[in-house]
């Protein structure tokens, strides 16, 4: 959170916080749709 605030507030003339980004690369080892959906739900909730 301090990093997010720093990006958003410390240097508005130089840096703009567009948003947050998460990649569900941990789905690569999944063996089915339910497992992928569970990771997607957990990632969405965390973000």
ModelCIF file with pLDDT and N, C-alpha, C, O atoms, coordinates in Angstrom:
data_MODEL
#
_entry.id   MODEL 
#
_entity.id                         1 
_entity.type                       polymer 
_entity.pdbx_number_of_molecules   1 
#
_entity_poly.entity_id                      1 
_entity_poly.type                           'polypeptide(L)' 
_entity_poly.nstd_linkage                   no 
_entity_poly.nstd_monomer                   no 
_entity_poly.pdbx_seq_one_letter_code       
;(UNK)(UNK)(UNK)(UNK)(UNK)(UNK)(UNK)(UNK)(UNK)(UNK)(UNK)(UNK)(UNK)(UNK)(UNK)(UNK)
(UNK)(UNK)(UNK)(UNK)(UNK)(UNK)(UNK)(UNK)(UNK)(UNK)(UNK)(UNK)(UNK)(UNK)(UNK)(UNK)
(UNK)(UNK)(UNK)(UNK)(UNK)(UNK)(UNK)(UNK)(UNK)(UNK)(UNK)(UNK)(UNK)(UNK)(UNK)
;
_entity_poly.pdbx_seq_one_letter_code_can   XXXXXXXXXXXXXXXXXXXXXXXXXXXXXXXXXXXXXXXXXXXXXXX 
_entity_poly.pdbx_strand_id                 A 
#
loop_
_entity_poly_seq.entity_id 
_entity_poly_seq.num 
_entity_poly_seq.mon_id 
_entity_poly_seq.hetero 
1 1  UNK n 
1 2  UNK n 
1 3  UNK n 
1 4  UNK n 
1 5  UNK n 
1 6  UNK n 
1 7  UNK n 
1 8  UNK n 
1 9  UNK n 
1 10 UNK n 
1 11 UNK n 
1 12 UNK n 
1 13 UNK n 
1 14 UNK n 
1 15 UNK n 
1 16 UNK n 
1 17 UNK n 
1 18 UNK n 
1 19 UNK n 
1 20 UNK n 
1 21 UNK n 
1 22 UNK n 
1 23 UNK n 
1 24 UNK n 
1 25 UNK n 
1 26 UNK n 
1 27 UNK n 
1 28 UNK n 
1 29 UNK n 
1 30 UNK n 
1 31 UNK n 
1 32 UNK n 
1 33 UNK n 
1 34 UNK n 
1 35 UNK n 
1 36 UNK n 
1 37 UNK n 
1 38 UNK n 
1 39 UNK n 
1 40 UNK n 
1 41 UNK n 
1 42 UNK n 
1 43 UNK n 
1 44 UNK n 
1 45 UNK n 
1 46 UNK n 
1 47 UNK n 
#
_struct_asym.id          A 
_struct_asym.entity_id   1 
#
loop_
_ma_qa_metric.id 
_ma_qa_metric.mode 
_ma_qa_metric.name 
_ma_qa_metric.software_group_id 
_ma_qa_metric.type 
1 global pLDDT . pLDDT 
2 local  pLDDT . pLDDT 
#
_ma_qa_metric_global.metric_id      1 
_ma_qa_metric_global.metric_value   88.89 
_ma_qa_metric_global.model_id       1 
_ma_qa_metric_global.ordinal_id     1 
#
loop_
_ma_qa_metric_local.label_asym_id 
_ma_qa_metric_local.label_comp_id 
_ma_qa_metric_local.label_seq_id 
_ma_qa_metric_local.metric_id 
_ma_qa_metric_local.metric_value 
_ma_qa_metric_local.model_id 
_ma_qa_metric_local.ordinal_id 
A UNK 1  2 94.00 1 1  
A UNK 2  2 94.00 1 2  
A UNK 3  2 94.00 1 3  
A UNK 4  2 94.00 1 4  
A UNK 5  2 93.00 1 5  
A UNK 6  2 94.00 1 6  
A UNK 7  2 93.00 1 7  
A UNK 8  2 92.00 1 8  
A UNK 9  2 92.00 1 9  
A UNK 10 2 88.00 1 10 
A UNK 11 2 84.00 1 11 
A UNK 12 2 85.00 1 12 
A UNK 13 2 88.00 1 13 
A UNK 14 2 92.00 1 14 
A UNK 15 2 94.00 1 15 
A UNK 16 2 94.00 1 16 
A UNK 17 2 95.00 1 17 
A UNK 18 2 94.00 1 18 
A UNK 19 2 93.00 1 19 
A UNK 20 2 94.00 1 20 
A UNK 21 2 90.00 1 21 
A UNK 22 2 89.00 1 22 
A UNK 23 2 83.00 1 23 
A UNK 24 2 76.00 1 24 
A UNK 25 2 74.00 1 25 
A UNK 26 2 73.00 1 26 
A UNK 27 2 76.00 1 27 
A UNK 28 2 81.00 1 28 
A UNK 29 2 81.00 1 29 
A UNK 30 2 81.00 1 30 
A UNK 31 2 88.00 1 31 
A UNK 32 2 90.00 1 32 
A UNK 33 2 93.00 1 33 
A UNK 34 2 92.00 1 34 
A UNK 35 2 89.00 1 35 
A UNK 36 2 90.00 1 36 
A UNK 37 2 92.00 1 37 
A UNK 38 2 90.00 1 38 
A UNK 39 2 89.00 1 39 
A UNK 40 2 90.00 1 40 
A UNK 41 2 91.00 1 41 
A UNK 42 2 90.00 1 42 
A UNK 43 2 88.00 1 43 
A UNK 44 2 91.00 1 44 
A UNK 45 2 91.00 1 45 
A UNK 46 2 89.00 1 46 
A UNK 47 2 90.00 1 47 
#
loop_
_atom_site.group_PDB 
_atom_site.id 
_atom_site.type_symbol 
_atom_site.label_atom_id 
_atom_site.label_alt_id 
_atom_site.label_comp_id 
_atom_site.label_asym_id 
_atom_site.label_entity_id 
_atom_site.label_seq_id 
_atom_site.pdbx_PDB_ins_code 
_atom_site.Cartn_x 
_atom_site.Cartn_y 
_atom_site.Cartn_z 
_atom_site.occupancy 
_atom_site.B_iso_or_equiv 
_atom_site.pdbx_formal_charge 
_atom_site.auth_seq_id 
_atom_site.auth_comp_id 
_atom_site.auth_asym_id 
_atom_site.auth_atom_id 
_atom_site.pdbx_PDB_model_num 
ATOM 1   N N  . UNK A 1 1  ? 0.817   -1.221  0.000   1.00 94.00 ? 1  UNK A N  1 
ATOM 2   C CA . UNK A 1 1  ? 0.000   0.000   0.000   1.00 94.00 ? 1  UNK A CA 1 
ATOM 3   C C  . UNK A 1 1  ? 0.845   1.263   0.000   1.00 94.00 ? 1  UNK A C  1 
ATOM 4   O O  . UNK A 1 1  ? 0.525   2.193   -0.740  1.00 94.00 ? 1  UNK A O  1 
ATOM 5   N N  . UNK A 1 2  ? 1.912   1.344   0.795   1.00 94.00 ? 2  UNK A N  1 
ATOM 6   C CA . UNK A 1 2  ? 2.768   2.529   0.696   1.00 94.00 ? 2  UNK A CA 1 
ATOM 7   C C  . UNK A 1 2  ? 3.365   2.711   -0.706  1.00 94.00 ? 2  UNK A C  1 
ATOM 8   O O  . UNK A 1 2  ? 3.519   3.841   -1.171  1.00 94.00 ? 2  UNK A O  1 
ATOM 9   N N  . UNK A 1 3  ? 3.696   1.616   -1.371  1.00 94.00 ? 3  UNK A N  1 
ATOM 10  C CA . UNK A 1 3  ? 4.220   1.724   -2.730  1.00 94.00 ? 3  UNK A CA 1 
ATOM 11  C C  . UNK A 1 3  ? 3.145   2.270   -3.675  1.00 94.00 ? 3  UNK A C  1 
ATOM 12  O O  . UNK A 1 3  ? 3.428   3.144   -4.494  1.00 94.00 ? 3  UNK A O  1 
ATOM 13  N N  . UNK A 1 4  ? 1.930   1.766   -3.565  1.00 94.00 ? 4  UNK A N  1 
ATOM 14  C CA . UNK A 1 4  ? 0.834   2.274   -4.403  1.00 94.00 ? 4  UNK A CA 1 
ATOM 15  C C  . UNK A 1 4  ? 0.622   3.765   -4.156  1.00 94.00 ? 4  UNK A C  1 
ATOM 16  O O  . UNK A 1 4  ? 0.448   4.541   -5.095  1.00 94.00 ? 4  UNK A O  1 
ATOM 17  N N  . UNK A 1 5  ? 0.639   4.154   -2.892  1.00 93.00 ? 5  UNK A N  1 
ATOM 18  C CA . UNK A 1 5  ? 0.458   5.583   -2.572  1.00 93.00 ? 5  UNK A CA 1 
ATOM 19  C C  . UNK A 1 5  ? 1.611   6.421   -3.117  1.00 93.00 ? 5  UNK A C  1 
ATOM 20  O O  . UNK A 1 5  ? 1.396   7.523   -3.622  1.00 93.00 ? 5  UNK A O  1 
ATOM 21  N N  . UNK A 1 6  ? 2.822   5.904   -3.016  1.00 94.00 ? 6  UNK A N  1 
ATOM 22  C CA . UNK A 1 6  ? 3.985   6.639   -3.525  1.00 94.00 ? 6  UNK A CA 1 
ATOM 23  C C  . UNK A 1 6  ? 3.878   6.833   -5.034  1.00 94.00 ? 6  UNK A C  1 
ATOM 24  O O  . UNK A 1 6  ? 4.155   7.919   -5.542  1.00 94.00 ? 6  UNK A O  1 
ATOM 25  N N  . UNK A 1 7  ? 3.480   5.789   -5.748  1.00 93.00 ? 7  UNK A N  1 
ATOM 26  C CA . UNK A 1 7  ? 3.328   5.907   -7.202  1.00 93.00 ? 7  UNK A CA 1 
ATOM 27  C C  . UNK A 1 7  ? 2.262   6.955   -7.520  1.00 93.00 ? 7  UNK A C  1 
ATOM 28  O O  . UNK A 1 7  ? 2.434   7.767   -8.429  1.00 93.00 ? 7  UNK A O  1 
ATOM 29  N N  . UNK A 1 8  ? 1.171   6.933   -6.771  1.00 92.00 ? 8  UNK A N  1 
ATOM 30  C CA . UNK A 1 8  ? 0.046   7.827   -7.048  1.00 92.00 ? 8  UNK A CA 1 
ATOM 31  C C  . UNK A 1 8  ? 0.288   9.265   -6.615  1.00 92.00 ? 8  UNK A C  1 
ATOM 32  O O  . UNK A 1 8  ? -0.245  10.191  -7.228  1.00 92.00 ? 8  UNK A O  1 
ATOM 33  N N  . UNK A 1 9  ? 1.084   9.468   -5.566  1.00 92.00 ? 9  UNK A N  1 
ATOM 34  C CA . UNK A 1 9  ? 1.105   10.799  -4.949  1.00 92.00 ? 9  UNK A CA 1 
ATOM 35  C C  . UNK A 1 9  ? 2.450   11.512  -4.944  1.00 92.00 ? 9  UNK A C  1 
ATOM 36  O O  . UNK A 1 9  ? 2.473   12.743  -4.907  1.00 92.00 ? 9  UNK A O  1 
ATOM 37  N N  . UNK A 1 10 ? 3.558   10.804  -4.978  1.00 88.00 ? 10 UNK A N  1 
ATOM 38  C CA . UNK A 1 10 ? 4.844   11.461  -4.736  1.00 88.00 ? 10 UNK A CA 1 
ATOM 39  C C  . UNK A 1 10 ? 5.327   12.345  -5.874  1.00 88.00 ? 10 UNK A C  1 
ATOM 40  O O  . UNK A 1 10 ? 5.984   13.356  -5.625  1.00 88.00 ? 10 UNK A O  1 
ATOM 41  N N  . UNK A 1 11 ? 5.024   11.996  -7.098  1.00 84.00 ? 11 UNK A N  1 
ATOM 42  C CA . UNK A 1 11 ? 5.562   12.762  -8.230  1.00 84.00 ? 11 UNK A CA 1 
ATOM 43  C C  . UNK A 1 11 ? 4.534   12.841  -9.360  1.00 84.00 ? 11 UNK A C  1 
ATOM 44  O O  . UNK A 1 11 ? 4.764   12.289  -10.436 1.00 84.00 ? 11 UNK A O  1 
ATOM 45  N N  . UNK A 1 12 ? 3.412   13.513  -9.137  1.00 85.00 ? 12 UNK A N  1 
ATOM 46  C CA . UNK A 1 12 ? 2.357   13.524  -10.158 1.00 85.00 ? 12 UNK A CA 1 
ATOM 47  C C  . UNK A 1 12 ? 2.775   14.168  -11.484 1.00 85.00 ? 12 UNK A C  1 
ATOM 48  O O  . UNK A 1 12 ? 2.148   13.916  -12.513 1.00 85.00 ? 12 UNK A O  1 
ATOM 49  N N  . UNK A 1 13 ? 3.809   14.983  -11.471 1.00 88.00 ? 13 UNK A N  1 
ATOM 50  C CA . UNK A 1 13 ? 4.271   15.578  -12.724 1.00 88.00 ? 13 UNK A CA 1 
ATOM 51  C C  . UNK A 1 13 ? 5.089   14.588  -13.544 1.00 88.00 ? 13 UNK A C  1 
ATOM 52  O O  . UNK A 1 13 ? 5.264   14.773  -14.748 1.00 88.00 ? 13 UNK A O  1 
ATOM 53  N N  . UNK A 1 14 ? 5.587   13.543  -12.901 1.00 92.00 ? 14 UNK A N  1 
ATOM 54  C CA . UNK A 1 14 ? 6.479   12.595  -13.560 1.00 92.00 ? 14 UNK A CA 1 
ATOM 55  C C  . UNK A 1 14 ? 5.858   11.215  -13.758 1.00 92.00 ? 14 UNK A C  1 
ATOM 56  O O  . UNK A 1 14 ? 6.183   10.518  -14.719 1.00 92.00 ? 14 UNK A O  1 
ATOM 57  N N  . UNK A 1 15 ? 4.965   10.819  -12.848 1.00 94.00 ? 15 UNK A N  1 
ATOM 58  C CA . UNK A 1 15 ? 4.448   9.450   -12.824 1.00 94.00 ? 15 UNK A CA 1 
ATOM 59  C C  . UNK A 1 15 ? 2.938   9.481   -12.605 1.00 94.00 ? 15 UNK A C  1 
ATOM 60  O O  . UNK A 1 15 ? 2.437   10.230  -11.766 1.00 94.00 ? 15 UNK A O  1 
ATOM 61  N N  . UNK A 1 16 ? 2.222   8.662   -13.366 1.00 94.00 ? 16 UNK A N  1 
ATOM 62  C CA . UNK A 1 16 ? 0.779   8.504   -13.176 1.00 94.00 ? 16 UNK A CA 1 
ATOM 63  C C  . UNK A 1 16 ? 0.476   7.046   -12.867 1.00 94.00 ? 16 UNK A C  1 
ATOM 64  O O  . UNK A 1 16 ? 0.877   6.153   -13.614 1.00 94.00 ? 16 UNK A O  1 
ATOM 65  N N  . UNK A 1 17 ? -0.227  6.805   -11.772 1.00 95.00 ? 17 UNK A N  1 
ATOM 66  C CA . UNK A 1 17 ? -0.678  5.450   -11.454 1.00 95.00 ? 17 UNK A CA 1 
ATOM 67  C C  . UNK A 1 17 ? -1.914  5.161   -12.300 1.00 95.00 ? 17 UNK A C  1 
ATOM 68  O O  . UNK A 1 17 ? -2.952  5.802   -12.135 1.00 95.00 ? 17 UNK A O  1 
ATOM 69  N N  . UNK A 1 18 ? -1.798  4.200   -13.201 1.00 94.00 ? 18 UNK A N  1 
ATOM 70  C CA . UNK A 1 18 ? -2.897  3.825   -14.078 1.00 94.00 ? 18 UNK A CA 1 
ATOM 71  C C  . UNK A 1 18 ? -3.818  2.827   -13.386 1.00 94.00 ? 18 UNK A C  1 
ATOM 72  O O  . UNK A 1 18 ? -5.039  2.896   -13.528 1.00 94.00 ? 18 UNK A O  1 
ATOM 73  N N  . UNK A 1 19 ? -3.223  1.890   -12.629 1.00 93.00 ? 19 UNK A N  1 
ATOM 74  C CA . UNK A 1 19 ? -4.028  0.878   -11.964 1.00 93.00 ? 19 UNK A CA 1 
ATOM 75  C C  . UNK A 1 19 ? -3.148  -0.199  -11.354 1.00 93.00 ? 19 UNK A C  1 
ATOM 76  O O  . UNK A 1 19 ? -1.941  -0.021  -11.187 1.00 93.00 ? 19 UNK A O  1 
ATOM 77  N N  . UNK A 1 20 ? -3.774  -1.312  -11.027 1.00 94.00 ? 20 UNK A N  1 
ATOM 78  C CA . UNK A 1 20 ? -3.048  -2.472  -10.513 1.00 94.00 ? 20 UNK A CA 1 
ATOM 79  C C  . UNK A 1 20 ? -3.185  -3.606  -11.525 1.00 94.00 ? 20 UNK A C  1 
ATOM 80  O O  . UNK A 1 20 ? -4.179  -3.707  -12.243 1.00 94.00 ? 20 UNK A O  1 
ATOM 81  N N  . UNK A 1 21 ? -2.164  -4.449  -11.560 1.00 90.00 ? 21 UNK A N  1 
ATOM 82  C CA . UNK A 1 21 ? -2.083  -5.500  -12.564 1.00 90.00 ? 21 UNK A CA 1 
ATOM 83  C C  . UNK A 1 21 ? -1.711  -6.806  -11.872 1.00 90.00 ? 21 UNK A C  1 
ATOM 84  O O  . UNK A 1 21 ? -0.783  -6.847  -11.065 1.00 90.00 ? 21 UNK A O  1 
ATOM 85  N N  . UNK A 1 22 ? -2.432  -7.857  -12.189 1.00 89.00 ? 22 UNK A N  1 
ATOM 86  C CA . UNK A 1 22 ? -2.103  -9.187  -11.677 1.00 89.00 ? 22 UNK A CA 1 
ATOM 87  C C  . UNK A 1 22 ? -2.187  -10.178 -12.827 1.00 89.00 ? 22 UNK A C  1 
ATOM 88  O O  . UNK A 1 22 ? -3.062  -10.081 -13.688 1.00 89.00 ? 22 UNK A O  1 
ATOM 89  N N  . UNK A 1 23 ? -1.278  -11.118 -12.827 1.00 83.00 ? 23 UNK A N  1 
ATOM 90  C CA . UNK A 1 23 ? -1.228  -12.149 -13.863 1.00 83.00 ? 23 UNK A CA 1 
ATOM 91  C C  . UNK A 1 23 ? -1.381  -13.507 -13.193 1.00 83.00 ? 23 UNK A C  1 
ATOM 92  O O  . UNK A 1 23 ? -0.636  -13.828 -12.267 1.00 83.00 ? 23 UNK A O  1 
ATOM 93  N N  . UNK A 1 24 ? -2.321  -14.291 -13.642 1.00 76.00 ? 24 UNK A N  1 
ATOM 94  C CA . UNK A 1 24 ? -2.600  -15.599 -13.051 1.00 76.00 ? 24 UNK A CA 1 
ATOM 95  C C  . UNK A 1 24 ? -1.734  -16.687 -13.682 1.00 76.00 ? 24 UNK A C  1 
ATOM 96  O O  . UNK A 1 24 ? -2.252  -17.693 -14.167 1.00 76.00 ? 24 UNK A O  1 
ATOM 97  N N  . UNK A 1 25 ? -0.430  -16.486 -13.675 1.00 74.00 ? 25 UNK A N  1 
ATOM 98  C CA . UNK A 1 25 ? 0.471   -17.485 -14.221 1.00 74.00 ? 25 UNK A CA 1 
ATOM 99  C C  . UNK A 1 25 ? 0.433   -18.792 -13.455 1.00 74.00 ? 25 UNK A C  1 
ATOM 100 O O  . UNK A 1 25 ? 0.868   -19.827 -13.960 1.00 74.00 ? 25 UNK A O  1 
ATOM 101 N N  . UNK A 1 26 ? -0.088  -18.749 -12.237 1.00 73.00 ? 26 UNK A N  1 
ATOM 102 C CA . UNK A 1 26 ? -0.192  -19.986 -11.464 1.00 73.00 ? 26 UNK A CA 1 
ATOM 103 C C  . UNK A 1 26 ? -1.287  -20.910 -12.005 1.00 73.00 ? 26 UNK A C  1 
ATOM 104 O O  . UNK A 1 26 ? -1.471  -22.012 -11.488 1.00 73.00 ? 26 UNK A O  1 
ATOM 105 N N  . UNK A 1 27 ? -2.010  -20.480 -13.030 1.00 76.00 ? 27 UNK A N  1 
ATOM 106 C CA . UNK A 1 27 ? -2.983  -21.367 -13.671 1.00 76.00 ? 27 UNK A CA 1 
ATOM 107 C C  . UNK A 1 27 ? -2.320  -22.319 -14.662 1.00 76.00 ? 27 UNK A C  1 
ATOM 108 O O  . UNK A 1 27 ? -2.936  -23.298 -15.084 1.00 76.00 ? 27 UNK A O  1 
ATOM 109 N N  . UNK A 1 28 ? -1.076  -22.046 -15.036 1.00 81.00 ? 28 UNK A N  1 
ATOM 110 C CA . UNK A 1 28 ? -0.425  -22.859 -16.064 1.00 81.00 ? 28 UNK A CA 1 
ATOM 111 C C  . UNK A 1 28 ? -0.364  -24.337 -15.683 1.00 81.00 ? 28 UNK A C  1 
ATOM 112 O O  . UNK A 1 28 ? -0.417  -25.201 -16.559 1.00 81.00 ? 28 UNK A O  1 
ATOM 113 N N  . UNK A 1 29 ? -0.256  -24.635 -14.410 1.00 81.00 ? 29 UNK A N  1 
ATOM 114 C CA . UNK A 1 29 ? -0.169  -26.019 -13.972 1.00 81.00 ? 29 UNK A CA 1 
ATOM 115 C C  . UNK A 1 29 ? -1.514  -26.655 -13.650 1.00 81.00 ? 29 UNK A C  1 
ATOM 116 O O  . UNK A 1 29 ? -1.570  -27.800 -13.201 1.00 81.00 ? 29 UNK A O  1 
ATOM 117 N N  . UNK A 1 30 ? -2.592  -25.923 -13.877 1.00 81.00 ? 30 UNK A N  1 
ATOM 118 C CA . UNK A 1 30 ? -3.922  -26.461 -13.558 1.00 81.00 ? 30 UNK A CA 1 
ATOM 119 C C  . UNK A 1 30 ? -4.317  -27.562 -14.532 1.00 81.00 ? 30 UNK A C  1 
ATOM 120 O O  . UNK A 1 30 ? -3.894  -27.584 -15.688 1.00 81.00 ? 30 UNK A O  1 
ATOM 121 N N  . UNK A 1 31 ? -5.142  -28.475 -14.028 1.00 88.00 ? 31 UNK A N  1 
ATOM 122 C CA . UNK A 1 31 ? -5.556  -29.599 -14.866 1.00 88.00 ? 31 UNK A CA 1 
ATOM 123 C C  . UNK A 1 31 ? -7.044  -29.562 -15.193 1.00 88.00 ? 31 UNK A C  1 
ATOM 124 O O  . UNK A 1 31 ? -7.619  -30.594 -15.539 1.00 88.00 ? 31 UNK A O  1 
ATOM 125 N N  . UNK A 1 32 ? -7.664  -28.423 -15.094 1.00 90.00 ? 32 UNK A N  1 
ATOM 126 C CA . UNK A 1 32 ? -9.073  -28.348 -15.449 1.00 90.00 ? 32 UNK A CA 1 
ATOM 127 C C  . UNK A 1 32 ? -9.667  -26.981 -15.185 1.00 90.00 ? 32 UNK A C  1 
ATOM 128 O O  . UNK A 1 32 ? -9.090  -26.151 -14.482 1.00 90.00 ? 32 UNK A O  1 
ATOM 129 N N  . UNK A 1 33 ? -10.828 -26.771 -15.763 1.00 93.00 ? 33 UNK A N  1 
ATOM 130 C CA . UNK A 1 33 ? -11.509 -25.482 -15.658 1.00 93.00 ? 33 UNK A CA 1 
ATOM 131 C C  . UNK A 1 33 ? -11.815 -25.101 -14.204 1.00 93.00 ? 33 UNK A C  1 
ATOM 132 O O  . UNK A 1 33 ? -11.590 -23.948 -13.838 1.00 93.00 ? 33 UNK A O  1 
ATOM 133 N N  . UNK A 1 34 ? -12.314 -26.005 -13.362 1.00 92.00 ? 34 UNK A N  1 
ATOM 134 C CA . UNK A 1 34 ? -12.602 -25.607 -11.983 1.00 92.00 ? 34 UNK A CA 1 
ATOM 135 C C  . UNK A 1 34 ? -11.372 -25.060 -11.246 1.00 92.00 ? 34 UNK A C  1 
ATOM 136 O O  . UNK A 1 34 ? -11.484 -24.099 -10.485 1.00 92.00 ? 34 UNK A O  1 
ATOM 137 N N  . UNK A 1 35 ? -10.217 -25.660 -11.468 1.00 89.00 ? 35 UNK A N  1 
ATOM 138 C CA . UNK A 1 35 ? -8.995  -25.185 -10.808 1.00 89.00 ? 35 UNK A CA 1 
ATOM 139 C C  . UNK A 1 35 ? -8.612  -23.797 -11.318 1.00 89.00 ? 35 UNK A C  1 
ATOM 140 O O  . UNK A 1 35 ? -8.201  -22.939 -10.536 1.00 89.00 ? 35 UNK A O  1 
ATOM 141 N N  . UNK A 1 36 ? -8.746  -23.577 -12.617 1.00 90.00 ? 36 UNK A N  1 
ATOM 142 C CA . UNK A 1 36 ? -8.454  -22.258 -13.197 1.00 90.00 ? 36 UNK A CA 1 
ATOM 143 C C  . UNK A 1 36 ? -9.427  -21.223 -12.642 1.00 90.00 ? 36 UNK A C  1 
ATOM 144 O O  . UNK A 1 36 ? -9.017  -20.120 -12.280 1.00 90.00 ? 36 UNK A O  1 
ATOM 145 N N  . UNK A 1 37 ? -10.693 -21.563 -12.575 1.00 92.00 ? 37 UNK A N  1 
ATOM 146 C CA . UNK A 1 37 ? -11.692 -20.639 -12.051 1.00 92.00 ? 37 UNK A CA 1 
ATOM 147 C C  . UNK A 1 37 ? -11.432 -20.302 -10.590 1.00 92.00 ? 37 UNK A C  1 
ATOM 148 O O  . UNK A 1 37 ? -11.642 -19.162 -10.174 1.00 92.00 ? 37 UNK A O  1 
ATOM 149 N N  . UNK A 1 38 ? -10.980 -21.266 -9.811  1.00 90.00 ? 38 UNK A N  1 
ATOM 150 C CA . UNK A 1 38 ? -10.678 -21.011 -8.399  1.00 90.00 ? 38 UNK A CA 1 
ATOM 151 C C  . UNK A 1 38 ? -9.536  -19.999 -8.271  1.00 90.00 ? 38 UNK A C  1 
ATOM 152 O O  . UNK A 1 38 ? -9.601  -19.094 -7.439  1.00 90.00 ? 38 UNK A O  1 
ATOM 153 N N  . UNK A 1 39 ? -8.503  -20.149 -9.085  1.00 89.00 ? 39 UNK A N  1 
ATOM 154 C CA . UNK A 1 39 ? -7.390  -19.196 -9.054  1.00 89.00 ? 39 UNK A CA 1 
ATOM 155 C C  . UNK A 1 39 ? -7.863  -17.826 -9.516  1.00 89.00 ? 39 UNK A C  1 
ATOM 156 O O  . UNK A 1 39 ? -7.492  -16.813 -8.923  1.00 89.00 ? 39 UNK A O  1 
ATOM 157 N N  . UNK A 1 40 ? -8.671  -17.779 -10.559 1.00 90.00 ? 40 UNK A N  1 
ATOM 158 C CA . UNK A 1 40 ? -9.192  -16.497 -11.047 1.00 90.00 ? 40 UNK A CA 1 
ATOM 159 C C  . UNK A 1 40 ? -10.015 -15.799 -9.967  1.00 90.00 ? 40 UNK A C  1 
ATOM 160 O O  . UNK A 1 40 ? -9.895  -14.587 -9.786  1.00 90.00 ? 40 UNK A O  1 
ATOM 161 N N  . UNK A 1 41 ? -10.842 -16.543 -9.256  1.00 91.00 ? 41 UNK A N  1 
ATOM 162 C CA . UNK A 1 41 ? -11.651 -15.948 -8.174  1.00 91.00 ? 41 UNK A CA 1 
ATOM 163 C C  . UNK A 1 41 ? -10.761 -15.446 -7.040  1.00 91.00 ? 41 UNK A C  1 
ATOM 164 O O  . UNK A 1 41 ? -10.988 -14.359 -6.509  1.00 91.00 ? 41 UNK A O  1 
ATOM 165 N N  . UNK A 1 42 ? -9.758  -16.226 -6.667  1.00 90.00 ? 42 UNK A N  1 
ATOM 166 C CA . UNK A 1 42 ? -8.855  -15.817 -5.588  1.00 90.00 ? 42 UNK A CA 1 
ATOM 167 C C  . UNK A 1 42 ? -8.061  -14.573 -5.987  1.00 90.00 ? 42 UNK A C  1 
ATOM 168 O O  . UNK A 1 42 ? -7.874  -13.665 -5.177  1.00 90.00 ? 42 UNK A O  1 
ATOM 169 N N  . UNK A 1 43 ? -7.600  -14.535 -7.221  1.00 88.00 ? 43 UNK A N  1 
ATOM 170 C CA . UNK A 1 43 ? -6.856  -13.370 -7.702  1.00 88.00 ? 43 UNK A CA 1 
ATOM 171 C C  . UNK A 1 43 ? -7.751  -12.138 -7.729  1.00 88.00 ? 43 UNK A C  1 
ATOM 172 O O  . UNK A 1 43 ? -7.345  -11.065 -7.284  1.00 88.00 ? 43 UNK A O  1 
ATOM 173 N N  . UNK A 1 44 ? -8.951  -12.283 -8.242  1.00 91.00 ? 44 UNK A N  1 
ATOM 174 C CA . UNK A 1 44 ? -9.897  -11.162 -8.297  1.00 91.00 ? 44 UNK A CA 1 
ATOM 175 C C  . UNK A 1 44 ? -10.189 -10.639 -6.897  1.00 91.00 ? 44 UNK A C  1 
ATOM 176 O O  . UNK A 1 44 ? -10.214 -9.428  -6.679  1.00 91.00 ? 44 UNK A O  1 
ATOM 177 N N  . UNK A 1 45 ? -10.407 -11.535 -5.955  1.00 91.00 ? 45 UNK A N  1 
ATOM 178 C CA . UNK A 1 45 ? -10.688 -11.126 -4.578  1.00 91.00 ? 45 UNK A CA 1 
ATOM 179 C C  . UNK A 1 45 ? -9.496  -10.386 -3.976  1.00 91.00 ? 45 UNK A C  1 
ATOM 180 O O  . UNK A 1 45 ? -9.672  -9.372  -3.300  1.00 91.00 ? 45 UNK A O  1 
ATOM 181 N N  . UNK A 1 46 ? -8.286  -10.887 -4.219  1.00 89.00 ? 46 UNK A N  1 
ATOM 182 C CA . UNK A 1 46 ? -7.082  -10.243 -3.673  1.00 89.00 ? 46 UNK A CA 1 
ATOM 183 C C  . UNK A 1 46 ? -6.904  -8.846  -4.253  1.00 89.00 ? 46 UNK A C  1 
ATOM 184 O O  . UNK A 1 46 ? -6.588  -7.905  -3.525  1.00 89.00 ? 46 UNK A O  1 
ATOM 185 N N  . UNK A 1 47 ? -7.106  -8.708  -5.565  1.00 90.00 ? 47 UNK A N  1 
ATOM 186 C CA . UNK A 1 47 ? -6.966  -7.386  -6.199  1.00 90.00 ? 47 UNK A CA 1 
ATOM 187 C C  . UNK A 1 47 ? -8.040  -6.436  -5.687  1.00 90.00 ? 47 UNK A C  1 
ATOM 188 O O  . UNK A 1 47 ? -8.088  -5.278  -6.102  1.00 90.00 ? 47 UNK A O  1 
#
